[in-house]
Protein backbone atom coordinates (compact mmCIF):
# COMPACT_ATOMS: atom_id res chain seq x y z
CA MET A 1 80.77 106.96 27.95
CA SER A 2 82.60 109.95 26.50
CA VAL A 3 80.46 112.99 25.64
CA LYS A 4 82.23 116.05 24.29
CA PHE A 5 80.69 119.50 24.46
CA VAL A 6 81.75 122.98 23.37
CA LYS A 7 79.52 125.63 24.93
CA ILE A 8 79.26 125.93 28.74
CA LEU A 9 76.76 128.13 30.57
CA VAL A 10 77.71 129.09 34.12
CA ALA A 11 74.58 129.44 36.25
CA ASN A 12 76.22 131.84 38.67
CA ARG A 13 77.81 135.25 39.02
CA GLY A 14 80.87 137.08 40.32
CA GLU A 15 84.28 135.58 40.89
CA ILE A 16 83.26 131.93 40.53
CA ALA A 17 81.73 132.56 37.11
CA CYS A 18 84.89 134.39 36.00
CA ARG A 19 87.04 131.59 37.39
CA VAL A 20 85.12 128.87 35.48
CA PHE A 21 85.25 130.94 32.29
CA ARG A 22 89.06 131.08 32.46
CA THR A 23 89.54 127.32 32.60
CA ALA A 24 86.77 126.63 30.10
CA ALA A 25 88.35 129.02 27.59
CA ARG A 26 91.79 127.46 28.13
CA LEU A 27 90.30 124.06 27.29
CA GLY A 28 88.76 125.43 24.09
CA HIS A 29 85.17 125.82 25.26
CA SER A 30 82.98 128.82 24.51
CA THR A 31 81.33 130.41 27.53
CA VAL A 32 77.90 131.79 28.41
CA ALA A 33 77.08 134.10 31.32
CA VAL A 34 73.68 134.82 32.80
CA PHE A 35 73.01 138.13 34.51
CA THR A 36 70.26 139.86 36.45
CA PRO A 37 69.39 143.56 36.05
CA ALA A 38 71.72 144.41 38.96
CA ASP A 39 74.60 142.60 37.19
CA ARG A 40 74.18 143.97 33.67
CA GLY A 41 77.58 145.70 33.81
CA ALA A 42 79.30 143.17 36.10
CA LEU A 43 82.70 141.69 35.30
CA HIS A 44 81.36 138.16 34.84
CA THR A 45 78.81 139.48 32.35
CA ARG A 46 81.60 141.06 30.34
CA SER A 47 83.96 138.09 30.65
CA ALA A 48 81.95 135.44 28.79
CA ASP A 49 81.67 135.01 25.03
CA VAL A 50 77.93 135.72 25.29
CA ALA A 51 75.64 136.81 28.14
CA VAL A 52 71.90 136.24 28.59
CA ALA A 53 69.62 138.36 30.78
CA ILE A 54 67.57 136.63 33.49
CA GLU A 55 65.60 137.89 36.48
CA SER A 56 67.01 135.62 39.19
CA TYR A 57 69.88 133.18 39.69
CA LEU A 58 67.40 130.99 41.60
CA ASP A 59 64.99 130.59 38.66
CA ALA A 60 65.82 127.19 37.17
CA ASP A 61 63.37 127.53 34.27
CA GLU A 62 64.87 130.88 33.25
CA ILE A 63 68.37 129.46 33.27
CA LEU A 64 67.31 126.51 31.12
CA ARG A 65 65.61 128.87 28.67
CA ALA A 66 68.81 130.93 28.54
CA ALA A 67 70.79 127.79 27.71
CA SER A 68 68.32 126.92 24.97
CA ARG A 69 68.46 130.40 23.44
CA VAL A 70 72.23 130.21 22.87
CA GLN A 71 72.47 126.44 22.28
CA ALA A 72 74.60 125.81 25.36
CA GLU A 73 75.41 122.12 25.78
CA ALA A 74 76.50 122.02 29.43
CA ILE A 75 75.76 123.90 32.65
CA HIS A 76 78.24 124.55 35.46
CA PRO A 77 76.44 125.62 38.66
CA GLY A 78 79.34 127.29 40.53
CA TYR A 79 78.56 127.44 44.25
CA GLY A 80 75.56 128.78 46.14
CA PHE A 81 72.26 129.56 44.40
CA LEU A 82 71.11 126.32 42.66
CA SER A 83 74.41 124.44 42.86
CA GLU A 84 73.12 121.92 45.42
CA ASN A 85 69.54 121.71 44.19
CA PRO A 86 68.90 118.14 42.95
CA ASP A 87 65.75 119.15 41.09
CA PHE A 88 67.72 121.69 39.06
CA ALA A 89 70.42 119.12 38.27
CA GLN A 90 67.74 116.68 37.12
CA ALA A 91 66.02 119.35 35.03
CA VAL A 92 69.33 120.07 33.27
CA LEU A 93 69.72 116.39 32.41
CA ASP A 94 66.07 116.08 31.36
CA ALA A 95 66.62 118.99 28.96
CA GLY A 96 69.32 116.96 27.23
CA LEU A 97 72.18 119.04 28.65
CA ILE A 98 75.34 117.99 30.46
CA TRP A 99 75.41 118.73 34.20
CA ILE A 100 78.93 119.57 35.36
CA GLY A 101 78.50 118.21 38.84
CA PRO A 102 77.48 115.15 40.85
CA THR A 103 74.38 113.13 40.05
CA PRO A 104 71.00 114.41 41.27
CA ASP A 105 70.75 111.34 43.52
CA SER A 106 74.07 112.17 45.22
CA ILE A 107 73.06 115.79 45.69
CA ARG A 108 69.71 114.74 47.13
CA ALA A 109 71.29 112.22 49.48
CA MET A 110 73.64 114.83 50.94
CA ALA A 111 71.12 117.71 50.83
CA LEU A 112 68.79 115.83 53.15
CA LYS A 113 71.05 116.24 56.15
CA VAL A 114 69.44 113.54 58.28
CA GLU A 115 69.84 111.04 55.44
CA ALA A 116 73.38 112.31 54.88
CA LYS A 117 74.25 111.60 58.49
CA ASN A 118 72.82 108.09 58.21
CA LEU A 119 74.88 107.42 55.08
CA ALA A 120 78.01 108.83 56.72
CA GLU A 121 77.49 106.63 59.76
CA LYS A 122 77.03 103.62 57.48
CA ALA A 123 80.36 104.51 55.84
CA GLY A 124 82.02 104.47 59.26
CA VAL A 125 82.36 108.23 59.71
CA PRO A 126 82.21 109.49 63.35
CA MET A 127 79.06 111.53 64.07
CA LEU A 128 77.93 114.50 66.17
CA THR A 129 74.68 114.10 68.08
CA SER A 130 71.58 115.92 66.86
CA GLY A 131 68.67 117.51 68.68
CA THR A 132 68.19 120.02 71.49
CA ASP A 133 69.07 118.03 74.60
CA VAL A 134 72.29 119.96 75.21
CA PHE A 135 73.08 123.58 74.39
CA PRO A 136 74.67 125.29 72.55
CA VAL A 137 73.21 123.97 69.31
CA LEU A 138 73.51 125.05 65.69
CA VAL A 139 70.50 125.62 63.44
CA LYS A 140 71.57 124.96 59.84
CA ALA A 141 70.00 125.28 56.41
CA SER A 142 69.61 121.88 54.80
CA ALA A 143 69.97 123.14 51.23
CA GLY A 144 73.20 125.12 51.35
CA GLY A 145 76.08 126.67 53.22
CA GLY A 146 78.21 129.79 53.21
CA GLY A 147 76.98 130.78 56.66
CA LYS A 148 73.50 131.55 55.33
CA GLY A 149 70.55 130.06 57.17
CA MET A 150 72.73 129.27 60.18
CA ARG A 151 72.31 130.34 63.81
CA ARG A 152 74.09 129.39 67.02
CA VAL A 153 71.66 129.08 69.95
CA ASP A 154 72.90 129.11 73.54
CA ARG A 155 69.54 129.08 75.39
CA PRO A 156 66.34 127.08 74.81
CA GLU A 157 64.24 130.25 74.93
CA ASP A 158 66.08 131.62 71.87
CA LEU A 159 65.54 128.55 69.71
CA ASP A 160 62.22 129.48 68.06
CA GLU A 161 63.48 132.88 66.92
CA ALA A 162 66.71 131.36 65.59
CA VAL A 163 64.85 128.68 63.65
CA ALA A 164 62.50 131.26 62.12
CA ALA A 165 65.40 133.52 61.09
CA ALA A 166 67.40 130.62 59.65
CA LYS A 167 64.39 129.46 57.63
CA ARG A 168 63.85 132.92 56.13
CA GLU A 169 67.52 133.28 55.24
CA ALA A 170 67.66 129.78 53.74
CA ALA A 171 64.57 130.39 51.62
CA SER A 172 66.05 133.62 50.28
CA ALA A 173 69.49 132.18 49.51
CA PHE A 174 68.63 128.66 48.34
CA GLY A 175 64.89 128.57 47.61
CA ASP A 176 64.42 125.96 50.39
CA ASP A 177 63.64 126.81 54.02
CA THR A 178 64.38 123.36 55.47
CA VAL A 179 66.65 123.52 58.53
CA PHE A 180 67.97 121.03 61.07
CA ILE A 181 69.57 121.24 64.52
CA GLU A 182 72.82 119.69 65.74
CA ARG A 183 75.17 119.93 68.71
CA TYR A 184 77.63 122.83 68.55
CA LEU A 185 81.25 122.14 69.47
CA GLU A 186 83.00 125.11 71.02
CA SER A 187 86.72 125.75 70.51
CA ALA A 188 87.03 123.09 67.83
CA ARG A 189 88.64 123.19 64.40
CA HIS A 190 86.68 123.15 61.15
CA VAL A 191 88.56 120.90 58.72
CA GLU A 192 87.32 119.61 55.37
CA VAL A 193 88.57 117.07 52.85
CA GLN A 194 88.43 117.63 49.09
CA VAL A 195 87.22 114.52 47.27
CA PHE A 196 86.76 113.79 43.57
CA GLY A 197 85.02 110.92 41.79
CA ASP A 198 84.42 109.88 38.19
CA THR A 199 82.01 107.67 36.26
CA HIS A 200 84.57 104.85 36.17
CA GLY A 201 84.32 104.15 39.91
CA ASN A 202 87.43 106.05 40.95
CA VAL A 203 87.40 108.24 44.06
CA VAL A 204 90.40 110.18 45.39
CA HIS A 205 91.10 112.89 47.95
CA LEU A 206 93.22 115.99 47.47
CA PHE A 207 94.08 116.47 51.16
CA GLU A 208 92.43 118.74 53.70
CA ARG A 209 91.74 122.42 54.21
CA GLU A 210 91.31 124.17 57.55
CA CYS A 211 88.55 126.77 57.64
CA SER A 212 88.27 127.51 61.37
CA ILE A 213 88.47 131.31 61.23
CA GLN A 214 84.88 132.34 60.60
CA ARG A 215 82.47 135.14 61.26
CA ARG A 216 78.71 134.53 61.32
CA HIS A 217 79.57 130.87 60.60
CA GLN A 218 81.08 131.89 57.26
CA LYS A 219 84.73 131.19 56.53
CA VAL A 220 87.10 134.12 56.02
CA VAL A 221 90.53 132.44 56.20
CA GLU A 222 91.26 129.01 54.72
CA GLU A 223 94.52 127.12 54.47
CA SER A 224 96.11 123.85 53.52
CA PRO A 225 97.52 121.83 55.09
CA SER A 226 95.83 122.28 58.46
CA PRO A 227 98.28 123.27 61.22
CA GLY A 228 96.27 121.20 63.70
CA VAL A 229 96.06 117.87 61.87
CA THR A 230 98.71 115.21 62.46
CA PRO A 231 99.67 112.76 59.70
CA ALA A 232 97.79 109.98 61.50
CA LEU A 233 94.63 112.07 61.87
CA ARG A 234 94.93 113.18 58.23
CA ASP A 235 94.99 109.55 57.12
CA GLN A 236 91.86 108.78 59.17
CA MET A 237 89.93 111.82 57.91
CA THR A 238 90.81 111.39 54.24
CA ALA A 239 89.95 107.69 54.42
CA ALA A 240 86.57 108.50 55.97
CA ALA A 241 85.85 111.12 53.31
CA VAL A 242 86.74 108.78 50.44
CA SER A 243 84.66 106.01 52.04
CA LEU A 244 81.59 108.25 52.17
CA ALA A 245 82.04 109.42 48.58
CA ALA A 246 82.43 105.82 47.39
CA GLU A 247 79.37 104.77 49.41
CA ILE A 248 77.12 107.05 47.34
CA GLY A 249 78.90 106.56 44.00
CA TYR A 250 80.03 110.16 43.99
CA VAL A 251 80.99 111.84 40.71
CA GLY A 252 82.73 115.22 40.45
CA ALA A 253 84.06 117.64 43.08
CA GLY A 254 82.83 117.39 46.65
CA THR A 255 83.90 118.35 50.14
CA VAL A 256 83.38 116.35 53.32
CA GLU A 257 83.40 118.67 56.33
CA PHE A 258 84.41 117.71 59.86
CA MET A 259 84.72 119.27 63.29
CA VAL A 260 88.02 118.34 64.94
CA ALA A 261 88.50 118.32 68.71
CA GLY A 262 91.93 117.10 69.78
CA ASP A 263 92.54 113.83 67.97
CA GLU A 264 88.82 113.20 67.34
CA PHE A 265 86.80 114.25 64.31
CA PHE A 266 83.07 114.32 63.62
CA PHE A 267 81.06 114.52 60.41
CA LEU A 268 79.33 117.83 59.72
CA GLU A 269 78.10 117.60 56.13
CA MET A 270 79.10 116.94 52.56
CA ASN A 271 78.98 119.83 50.10
CA THR A 272 78.18 118.48 46.65
CA ARG A 273 79.84 121.28 44.71
CA LEU A 274 83.07 123.16 44.26
CA GLN A 275 83.93 125.14 47.39
CA VAL A 276 84.79 128.84 47.57
CA GLU A 277 88.16 127.87 49.05
CA HIS A 278 89.16 125.35 46.36
CA PRO A 279 92.14 127.53 45.23
CA VAL A 280 94.23 126.51 48.27
CA THR A 281 93.91 122.88 47.19
CA GLU A 282 94.83 123.83 43.64
CA ALA A 283 97.88 125.66 44.97
CA ILE A 284 99.36 122.81 47.00
CA THR A 285 98.54 120.05 44.49
CA GLY A 286 99.08 121.91 41.22
CA ARG A 287 95.72 120.58 39.94
CA ASP A 288 92.99 122.65 38.25
CA LEU A 289 89.79 121.40 39.88
CA VAL A 290 87.50 123.08 37.35
CA GLU A 291 89.37 121.30 34.57
CA TRP A 292 88.82 118.05 36.46
CA GLN A 293 85.10 118.85 36.71
CA ILE A 294 84.82 119.43 32.97
CA ARG A 295 86.81 116.32 32.04
CA VAL A 296 84.78 114.12 34.39
CA ALA A 297 81.54 115.57 32.96
CA GLU A 298 82.79 114.57 29.50
CA GLY A 299 83.14 111.00 30.71
CA GLU A 300 86.91 110.88 31.20
CA ALA A 301 88.58 109.10 34.09
CA LEU A 302 90.18 111.24 36.80
CA PRO A 303 93.37 112.87 35.49
CA ALA A 304 95.43 111.38 38.35
CA THR A 305 95.42 108.41 40.70
CA GLN A 306 95.69 108.79 44.47
CA GLU A 307 99.36 107.84 44.31
CA GLN A 308 100.03 110.59 41.76
CA ILE A 309 98.49 113.35 43.90
CA ALA A 310 101.02 115.07 46.14
CA ALA A 311 100.99 118.24 48.23
CA ALA A 312 103.79 120.80 48.32
CA GLY A 313 104.21 123.95 50.40
CA HIS A 314 101.50 125.86 52.22
CA ALA A 315 98.62 127.92 50.84
CA ILE A 316 96.42 130.47 52.62
CA GLU A 317 93.32 132.14 51.21
CA VAL A 318 91.46 135.11 52.62
CA ARG A 319 88.04 136.37 51.60
CA LEU A 320 88.03 140.10 51.04
CA TYR A 321 84.61 141.48 51.98
CA ALA A 322 82.91 144.84 51.73
CA GLU A 323 82.04 144.88 55.41
CA ASP A 324 82.94 146.62 58.65
CA PRO A 325 84.54 144.22 61.19
CA ALA A 326 84.46 146.94 63.85
CA ASN A 327 80.69 147.26 63.50
CA GLY A 328 79.43 143.71 63.68
CA TYR A 329 80.61 142.89 60.14
CA LEU A 330 77.90 145.05 58.67
CA PRO A 331 78.04 144.81 54.87
CA ASN A 332 78.97 148.00 53.06
CA THR A 333 77.81 149.27 49.69
CA GLY A 334 79.18 151.87 47.31
CA THR A 335 81.32 152.45 44.25
CA LEU A 336 84.82 151.01 44.13
CA ARG A 337 86.64 154.21 43.27
CA ILE A 338 89.96 152.38 43.54
CA PHE A 339 90.31 148.59 43.46
CA ASP A 340 94.02 147.85 43.21
CA VAL A 341 93.89 144.12 43.90
CA GLU A 342 95.96 142.51 41.17
CA PRO A 343 97.74 139.14 40.95
CA ALA A 344 101.44 139.21 41.81
CA ASP A 345 104.32 136.77 42.05
CA GLY A 346 103.01 133.92 44.19
CA VAL A 347 99.70 135.74 44.75
CA ARG A 348 96.47 134.64 43.06
CA VAL A 349 93.40 136.87 43.02
CA ASP A 350 89.92 135.62 42.10
CA THR A 351 87.43 138.48 41.80
CA GLY A 352 84.27 139.61 40.08
CA PHE A 353 84.99 143.33 40.43
CA VAL A 354 87.10 146.06 38.86
CA ALA A 355 87.53 149.72 39.78
CA GLY A 356 84.36 151.66 39.05
CA ASP A 357 82.01 148.76 39.81
CA VAL A 358 79.21 149.25 42.31
CA VAL A 359 78.88 146.97 45.34
CA THR A 360 75.13 146.60 45.84
CA ALA A 361 73.01 145.11 48.59
CA ASN A 362 71.61 142.46 46.25
CA TYR A 363 74.28 139.80 46.74
CA ASP A 364 77.02 138.49 49.01
CA PRO A 365 79.55 141.26 49.83
CA MET A 366 82.67 139.26 48.88
CA LEU A 367 84.93 141.37 46.67
CA ALA A 368 87.75 138.91 46.04
CA LYS A 369 89.68 135.90 47.24
CA VAL A 370 93.42 136.40 47.67
CA ILE A 371 95.60 133.28 47.79
CA VAL A 372 99.30 132.96 48.55
CA HIS A 373 101.33 129.76 48.07
CA ALA A 374 104.75 129.58 49.72
CA PRO A 375 107.20 126.94 50.96
CA THR A 376 106.13 127.41 54.61
CA ARG A 377 103.08 128.56 56.54
CA ASP A 378 104.94 131.48 58.14
CA GLU A 379 106.12 132.71 54.75
CA ALA A 380 102.65 132.40 53.24
CA ALA A 381 101.10 134.36 56.13
CA THR A 382 103.76 137.08 56.02
CA ARG A 383 103.49 137.57 52.26
CA LEU A 384 99.69 137.60 52.30
CA ALA A 385 99.54 140.12 55.17
CA ALA A 386 101.98 142.41 53.34
CA TYR A 387 99.95 142.15 50.13
CA LEU A 388 96.73 143.09 51.92
CA ARG A 389 98.31 146.11 53.57
CA ARG A 390 99.53 147.35 50.17
CA ALA A 391 96.24 146.74 48.36
CA GLY A 392 94.50 150.02 47.53
CA ILE A 393 90.71 150.02 47.90
CA GLU A 394 88.59 153.16 48.13
CA GLY A 395 84.84 153.64 48.15
CA VAL A 396 83.73 150.94 50.58
CA VAL A 397 84.80 149.67 53.98
CA THR A 398 86.53 146.29 53.79
CA ASN A 399 87.98 143.70 56.13
CA LYS A 400 91.45 143.75 54.53
CA ASP A 401 93.26 145.28 57.50
CA SER A 402 91.49 142.95 59.90
CA LEU A 403 92.61 140.01 57.76
CA ALA A 404 96.17 141.32 57.73
CA ALA A 405 96.03 141.60 61.53
CA VAL A 406 94.87 137.97 61.81
CA LEU A 407 97.75 136.78 59.63
CA SER A 408 100.25 138.55 61.91
CA GLU A 409 98.68 137.59 65.24
CA PRO A 410 100.74 135.26 67.51
CA ASP A 411 98.03 132.64 68.08
CA PHE A 412 97.36 132.39 64.36
CA LEU A 413 101.06 132.07 63.59
CA ALA A 414 101.31 129.34 66.23
CA GLY A 415 98.44 127.45 64.59
CA ARG A 416 96.07 127.93 67.54
CA THR A 417 93.01 128.43 65.33
CA THR A 418 89.52 127.34 66.34
CA THR A 419 86.04 128.38 65.26
CA ASP A 420 85.79 130.89 68.13
CA TYR A 421 89.04 132.61 67.11
CA LEU A 422 87.49 135.95 66.10
CA ASP A 423 85.31 135.98 69.24
CA THR A 424 88.40 135.63 71.43
CA HIS A 425 90.72 137.92 69.44
CA GLU A 426 88.71 141.11 69.16
CA ALA A 427 91.84 143.22 68.70
CA VAL A 428 92.16 142.02 65.10
CA LEU A 429 88.77 143.55 64.28
CA THR A 430 90.02 147.11 64.84
CA PRO A 431 93.76 146.97 64.17
CA VAL A 432 94.00 150.74 63.70
CA GLN A 433 94.11 152.87 66.84
CA ASP A 434 94.90 156.36 65.51
CA ARG A 435 91.83 157.70 63.72
CA VAL A 436 92.77 161.37 63.88
CA ARG A 437 93.75 161.68 60.22
CA HIS A 438 90.51 159.99 59.18
CA ALA A 439 88.58 162.54 61.25
CA LEU A 440 90.57 165.43 59.76
CA ALA A 441 89.84 164.13 56.26
CA VAL A 442 86.10 164.15 57.01
CA LEU A 443 86.42 167.68 58.37
CA ALA A 444 88.12 168.82 55.18
CA ALA A 445 85.55 167.18 52.92
CA ARG A 446 82.58 168.71 54.72
CA ASP A 447 83.38 172.33 54.05
CA GLN A 448 86.39 173.42 52.02
CA ASP A 449 85.26 177.04 52.07
CA GLY A 450 84.28 177.14 55.72
CA PRO A 451 86.02 176.16 58.93
CA VAL A 452 89.01 174.45 57.36
CA ALA A 453 89.98 177.41 55.21
CA PRO A 454 92.98 179.45 56.48
CA ALA A 455 91.89 182.47 58.51
CA GLY A 456 94.00 185.10 56.79
CA TRP A 457 94.39 188.38 58.71
CA ARG A 458 91.49 189.26 60.99
CA ASN A 459 91.28 192.00 63.64
CA VAL A 460 89.21 189.70 65.87
CA ALA A 461 90.02 186.88 68.25
CA ALA A 462 89.87 183.39 66.77
CA VAL A 463 86.80 181.37 67.80
CA PRO A 464 87.12 177.63 68.46
CA GLU A 465 85.19 175.34 66.14
CA TRP A 466 84.41 171.68 66.79
CA LEU A 467 83.14 168.50 65.18
CA GLN A 468 81.96 165.27 66.77
CA LEU A 469 81.94 162.05 64.77
CA THR A 470 82.57 158.33 64.90
CA ILE A 471 85.29 156.59 62.91
CA ALA A 472 84.86 152.81 62.64
CA GLY A 473 82.34 153.09 65.47
CA ALA A 474 84.74 154.89 67.84
CA PRO A 475 83.80 158.45 68.89
CA ILE A 476 86.24 161.29 68.34
CA THR A 477 85.85 165.03 68.89
CA LEU A 478 87.99 167.57 67.02
CA ARG A 479 88.42 171.19 68.11
CA TRP A 480 90.38 173.69 66.09
CA MET A 481 91.40 177.34 65.90
CA ARG A 482 91.97 179.00 62.55
CA GLU A 483 95.41 180.48 61.97
CA ARG A 484 97.06 182.10 58.97
CA GLU A 485 98.87 178.86 58.01
CA GLY A 486 96.07 176.40 58.71
CA LEU A 487 94.26 174.95 61.72
CA ARG A 488 95.59 174.47 65.23
CA VAL A 489 93.92 171.10 66.00
CA GLN A 490 93.07 169.34 69.25
CA THR A 491 91.22 166.18 70.21
CA VAL A 492 88.83 166.65 73.12
CA ASP A 493 87.71 164.30 75.85
CA GLY A 494 84.18 165.15 76.96
CA ASP A 495 82.49 168.49 76.29
CA PRO A 496 83.63 169.85 72.88
CA LEU A 497 84.36 173.33 74.27
CA LEU A 498 85.23 172.67 77.91
CA GLY A 499 86.64 169.12 77.89
CA GLU A 500 90.29 168.20 78.35
CA ALA A 501 92.17 168.71 75.09
CA THR A 502 95.24 167.13 73.49
CA ASP A 503 97.15 169.25 70.99
CA LEU A 504 97.83 167.60 67.63
CA GLY A 505 99.68 170.43 65.92
CA LEU A 506 99.11 172.50 62.79
CA ALA A 507 96.96 170.93 60.08
CA ARG A 508 96.69 171.94 56.44
CA LEU A 509 93.73 170.22 54.85
CA THR A 510 92.52 169.77 51.30
CA ALA A 511 89.92 167.48 49.78
CA THR A 512 92.66 164.99 48.85
CA SER A 513 95.31 165.34 51.55
CA VAL A 514 95.92 165.85 55.26
CA ASP A 515 99.14 167.59 56.29
CA LEU A 516 99.54 167.29 60.06
CA ASP A 517 102.72 168.91 61.38
CA GLY A 518 104.51 168.38 58.08
CA VAL A 519 103.45 164.77 57.48
CA LEU A 520 101.40 164.69 54.26
CA THR A 521 98.94 161.81 53.76
CA PRO A 522 96.60 161.21 50.78
CA VAL A 523 92.92 160.90 51.70
CA ALA A 524 89.55 160.28 50.05
CA VAL A 525 86.06 160.77 51.47
CA VAL A 526 82.71 159.54 50.18
CA GLY A 527 79.67 161.09 51.87
CA GLN A 528 78.93 164.10 54.05
CA ASP A 529 77.14 163.16 57.27
CA HIS A 530 78.00 159.48 56.90
CA GLY A 531 80.04 157.44 54.48
CA VAL A 532 83.57 156.10 54.17
CA VAL A 533 86.95 157.76 54.53
CA THR A 534 90.27 156.40 53.24
CA VAL A 535 93.60 157.47 54.70
CA ASP A 536 96.87 155.86 53.66
CA GLY A 537 94.98 152.95 52.08
CA LEU A 538 92.77 152.21 55.10
CA THR A 539 89.03 152.74 54.53
CA LEU A 540 86.79 153.19 57.58
CA ALA A 541 83.15 154.10 58.04
CA PHE A 542 82.30 157.48 59.58
CA GLU A 543 79.22 159.22 60.89
CA VAL A 544 79.00 162.86 61.94
CA LEU A 545 77.09 163.29 65.18
CA PRO A 546 74.41 165.98 65.68
CA ARG A 547 75.87 169.28 66.80
CA PHE A 548 73.36 169.52 69.61
CA ASP A 549 72.01 166.76 71.86
CA GLU A 550 68.63 166.31 70.30
CA ASN A 551 66.03 163.82 71.51
CA ALA A 552 66.58 160.74 69.34
CA HIS A 553 62.87 159.96 69.47
CA SER A 554 61.52 163.45 68.87
CA ALA A 555 58.59 164.31 66.66
CA GLU A 556 61.05 165.38 63.98
CA GLY A 557 61.26 161.72 62.91
CA GLY A 558 64.10 160.17 64.89
CA GLY A 559 64.16 156.53 65.90
CA PRO A 560 65.87 153.23 65.15
CA THR A 561 67.40 153.24 61.67
CA THR A 562 68.53 150.74 59.05
CA PRO A 563 72.25 149.93 59.31
CA VAL A 564 72.62 149.13 55.60
CA PRO A 565 70.55 149.28 52.39
CA GLY A 566 68.32 146.25 51.96
CA THR A 567 64.79 144.90 51.92
CA VAL A 568 62.45 144.78 54.91
CA THR A 569 61.32 141.18 55.45
CA ASP A 570 59.36 141.52 58.69
CA VAL A 571 57.79 144.35 60.72
CA ARG A 572 56.94 143.17 64.22
CA VAL A 573 55.34 146.23 65.77
CA GLY A 574 52.45 148.53 65.01
CA GLU A 575 51.44 152.03 66.02
CA GLY A 576 50.54 152.15 69.70
CA ASP A 577 52.55 149.06 70.66
CA GLU A 578 54.68 149.17 73.78
CA VAL A 579 58.29 148.11 73.22
CA THR A 580 61.28 147.47 75.45
CA ALA A 581 64.93 148.25 74.79
CA GLY A 582 66.53 145.45 72.78
CA GLN A 583 63.23 144.13 71.40
CA ILE A 584 63.35 143.17 67.72
CA ILE A 585 61.07 145.52 65.80
CA VAL A 586 62.12 145.10 62.16
CA VAL A 587 64.02 142.42 60.23
CA LEU A 588 66.09 143.50 57.23
CA GLU A 589 67.70 141.39 54.51
CA ALA A 590 70.88 142.70 52.90
CA MET A 591 73.39 140.76 50.81
CA LYS A 592 71.49 137.52 51.52
CA MET A 593 71.93 137.89 55.29
CA GLU A 594 69.41 138.94 57.92
CA HIS A 595 69.91 141.94 60.19
CA THR A 596 67.63 142.66 63.13
CA ILE A 597 66.78 146.22 64.16
CA THR A 598 65.92 146.65 67.81
CA ALA A 599 64.34 149.31 69.98
CA ASP A 600 67.00 151.33 71.75
CA ALA A 601 64.72 152.43 74.59
CA ASP A 602 61.51 151.51 76.38
CA GLY A 603 58.56 153.35 74.89
CA VAL A 604 55.48 153.42 72.69
CA VAL A 605 55.54 153.20 68.90
CA THR A 606 54.09 156.43 67.51
CA ALA A 607 54.61 155.63 63.82
CA VAL A 608 55.82 152.82 61.56
CA HIS A 609 57.64 154.07 58.47
CA VAL A 610 58.36 150.82 56.58
CA ARG A 611 56.51 147.71 55.44
CA ALA A 612 57.51 144.16 54.57
CA GLY A 613 58.94 143.93 51.07
CA GLN A 614 60.01 147.58 50.99
CA ALA A 615 63.50 148.47 49.76
CA VAL A 616 65.24 150.85 52.15
CA ASP A 617 68.42 152.91 52.24
CA ALA A 618 71.00 152.96 55.01
CA HIS A 619 70.23 155.23 57.99
CA GLN A 620 66.51 155.26 57.21
CA VAL A 621 64.19 155.56 60.23
CA VAL A 622 61.99 152.47 60.52
CA VAL A 623 59.75 153.41 63.46
CA SER A 624 59.28 156.39 65.74
CA ILE A 625 59.27 155.64 69.46
CA GLU A 626 58.18 157.92 72.29
CA GLU A 627 60.15 157.07 75.41
CA VAL A 628 58.26 156.35 78.62
């Protein structure tokens, strides 16, 4: 039955909302955004024809009321949040609206992972074993994906803590704390098949995507076709995916995910929504998957048969995050002073940000997806790496240079990509080795009228000055002497005044530039004692170390601190408790991910400075510990 509609509400935020708006507008639909207080000025809020304020993207009733207020006729869920919630899909239909997605029954069948595995097995799809008989295992959220609510566990004694953490994260991200446990395959590929169904009984595939390069079980590089899938294996996997979709009468866009080891593949899950990485499929097939979603929701047959769907060239997508790869991928917040990430010839950019926007701790730290389509894989990787290196971003630390390093790394270029790639290629996490200019930029920003100012003429001997700091987690000590023309700069190994020094030359520093021995480089610094510093387009985190070796647990209030802004979800110690180094004392949620804060020494808790539910800033002391 054909049902036409005009006004579409997107129950989501950021780049996926903007992406749906573009196709909807091209097809002649009017668009509605919803936004929370944190997103009042966000790009997606400004990109729709009308925007409605809500309190939470997880509040189904609020979203339905928003649709009613503006007479929206259809709801597109995007991905994440409520996109795989069958009760929300049913509520949309019960309200007389069109749901741009699969049926609630299909969502429910695949959301209940044990049932999903049974259905997949019935459809003839190879399965991984479940349970905790053999380690490592993976604890996974039943209601969603994106790396949230997921923990790898290598030892039985760590299982309870991992399950508890995964349940908290899943509840926060998806409103459902159900988790399950399955066998974890090491050094395997993560390959998924894009499927599409309609209400006329047609089901097709649009080939595969490889998503093996991940951190914290969340994909960061995706490509199609997979460099590790042979034509014969591709035929088997796509047939299995289509069989499963047909088994449940699937309608709309879906993805069947597999683990691939050699020439074997095993069912992981089916995501009943559009995937973050769908642009690589669009690139190689020339098909707009959001347009397909809308047309199928209106009752049309699929726009193409299986025989009409062909793949051409190679596409690679990277996810650009506000995070620090050199520091455990800690998310980073701040204002995007410069965000020069624009589409170019052969380069697609999907983003929910523009320069001047603030990256907060409220949501996922993804800034953009950058996609390149080229005739060959090598050409796509080369062009994408070059684009990332040229992209200008200031104000937050990002993973762009780490991504560029991955795309240029020999194993990646040879197609040797497995899910443990980033664990076994740590060099790509810190591709920059020379941090001297970053340190000099911090020095200049700290005191333009003090130690960096030229000395002028003085009838006294010059006195060495020094500064200790970390750049991207790596310590560096600067020592300098003031001269008439600038600073004579050294790096020092060991004691700032007595350690072995390496001469760097004459430096002339301003708030916006570093001139070291005649080589002038633009710089930008945000923060004083800690923040981010950008030199020649590369933004790194910095922290100035105390000038004297003070007791970190002194009565002045030192102790373990928060790594990022966020909300305290659990405090596990009280005043007077004995703690050991490495013991978890506080759990913090930031950008929908959990971060544990541990004691850095054996001792006794003398004070607790935070409580569950409290919003905290970065570098805030959570407890005071007296060492014993």
